[in-house]
Amino acid sequence: MPTKEELLNAIQEMQSKPPTYNTCEKLATFYTLLSHLYSEGESRGYSYDVKSVFPVSTGSEFREAITGKDIEQVVDVLDEHMDMVKILFPKEYKAVIQRINEVQ
């Protein structure tokens, strides 16, 4: 079981990295562990809001559109449209699914 200090250090390390899905996932895990094991997550001012760690804009139209949005709602929108991509562009659909499956 990680100590409180280890969790705080891990959170600090993840917050200093670029906001990727992987770092967001790790941050959520660390915040949850801190909250459940030490009951201090919320009282220390940690935010559990995905919007605070979701990617910041980097110039692409897609990233501009999703900046600051709730990841669950973004995935819901993408999921709705992936069925159409699968029908119209099956090779592209397979390529996207393969890339997603490769993400750690």
Protein backbone atom coordinates (compact mmCIF):
# COMPACT_ATOMS: atom_id res chain seq x y z
CA MET A 1 0.00 0.00 0.00
CA PRO A 2 1.44 3.38 -0.95
CA THR A 3 2.16 5.92 1.74
CA LYS A 4 0.55 9.35 1.72
CA GLU A 5 3.89 10.91 0.81
CA GLU A 6 4.35 8.52 -2.14
CA LEU A 7 0.89 9.40 -3.45
CA LEU A 8 1.50 13.13 -3.09
CA ASN A 9 4.82 12.79 -4.91
CA ALA A 10 3.19 10.75 -7.68
CA ILE A 11 0.45 13.36 -8.07
CA GLN A 12 2.99 16.15 -8.27
CA GLU A 13 4.99 14.22 -10.87
CA MET A 14 1.92 13.53 -13.04
CA GLN A 15 0.82 17.17 -12.84
CA SER A 16 4.19 18.28 -14.21
CA LYS A 17 3.79 16.10 -17.33
CA PRO A 18 1.82 16.96 -20.46
CA PRO A 19 -1.88 16.12 -20.03
CA THR A 20 -2.34 12.87 -21.94
CA TYR A 21 -4.95 10.17 -21.41
CA ASN A 22 -2.33 8.10 -19.59
CA THR A 23 -1.37 10.88 -17.17
CA CYS A 24 -5.05 11.72 -16.56
CA GLU A 25 -5.78 8.09 -15.80
CA LYS A 26 -2.87 7.88 -13.37
CA LEU A 27 -3.87 11.14 -11.67
CA ALA A 28 -7.40 9.86 -11.17
CA THR A 29 -6.02 6.68 -9.62
CA PHE A 30 -3.67 8.57 -7.31
CA TYR A 31 -6.38 11.04 -6.23
CA THR A 32 -8.79 8.18 -5.53
CA LEU A 33 -6.22 6.29 -3.48
CA LEU A 34 -5.33 9.41 -1.53
CA SER A 35 -8.97 10.13 -0.81
CA HIS A 36 -9.88 6.58 0.19
CA LEU A 37 -6.75 5.72 2.13
CA TYR A 38 -6.09 9.03 3.81
CA SER A 39 -9.43 10.93 3.55
CA GLU A 40 -7.63 14.12 2.64
CA GLY A 41 -7.98 14.42 -1.12
CA GLU A 42 -10.83 16.94 -1.18
CA SER A 43 -9.71 18.83 1.90
CA ARG A 44 -6.26 19.42 0.42
CA GLY A 45 -7.81 21.19 -2.56
CA TYR A 46 -7.32 18.43 -5.12
CA SER A 47 -9.69 18.54 -8.02
CA TYR A 48 -11.31 15.41 -9.33
CA ASP A 49 -12.80 17.25 -12.29
CA VAL A 50 -11.56 15.77 -15.56
CA LYS A 51 -11.77 19.22 -17.14
CA SER A 52 -8.82 20.35 -15.03
CA VAL A 53 -6.50 17.74 -16.55
CA PHE A 54 -7.96 17.20 -20.03
CA PRO A 55 -5.66 18.34 -22.88
CA VAL A 56 -5.12 22.01 -23.43
CA SER A 57 -5.40 23.33 -26.95
CA THR A 58 -2.40 22.73 -29.22
CA GLY A 59 -3.72 24.27 -32.41
CA SER A 60 -5.64 21.42 -34.02
CA GLU A 61 -9.34 22.02 -34.61
CA PHE A 62 -10.24 18.82 -32.75
CA ARG A 63 -8.17 19.69 -29.67
CA GLU A 64 -9.59 23.22 -29.71
CA ALA A 65 -13.10 21.75 -29.68
CA ILE A 66 -12.46 19.34 -26.77
CA THR A 67 -10.36 21.63 -24.58
CA GLY A 68 -12.01 21.91 -21.18
CA LYS A 69 -14.77 19.45 -22.01
CA ASP A 70 -15.82 16.46 -19.93
CA ILE A 71 -14.08 13.37 -21.36
CA GLU A 72 -17.16 11.15 -20.88
CA GLN A 73 -19.30 13.46 -23.00
CA VAL A 74 -16.58 13.76 -25.66
CA VAL A 75 -16.28 9.96 -25.88
CA ASP A 76 -20.08 9.67 -26.15
CA VAL A 77 -20.09 12.00 -29.16
CA LEU A 78 -17.20 10.14 -30.80
CA ASP A 79 -18.86 6.79 -30.14
CA GLU A 80 -22.02 7.93 -31.93
CA HIS A 81 -20.02 8.78 -35.04
CA MET A 82 -17.68 5.80 -35.08
CA ASP A 83 -20.47 3.53 -36.34
CA MET A 84 -20.77 5.71 -39.45
CA VAL A 85 -16.99 5.73 -39.90
CA LYS A 86 -17.07 1.92 -39.65
CA ILE A 87 -19.63 1.72 -42.48
CA LEU A 88 -18.15 4.36 -44.79
CA PHE A 89 -14.45 3.89 -44.09
CA PRO A 90 -13.88 0.39 -42.66
CA LYS A 91 -10.09 0.52 -43.08
CA GLU A 92 -9.89 3.85 -41.26
CA TYR A 93 -12.17 2.51 -38.52
CA LYS A 94 -9.92 -0.53 -38.03
CA ALA A 95 -6.85 1.71 -37.97
CA VAL A 96 -8.38 3.93 -35.28
CA ILE A 97 -9.42 0.95 -33.15
CA GLN A 98 -5.95 -0.56 -33.52
CA ARG A 99 -4.30 2.71 -32.45
CA ILE A 100 -6.61 2.99 -29.44
CA ASN A 101 -5.83 -0.60 -28.45
CA GLU A 102 -2.12 0.25 -28.52
CA VAL A 103 -2.55 3.14 -26.07
CA GLN A 104 -1.30 2.31 -22.61
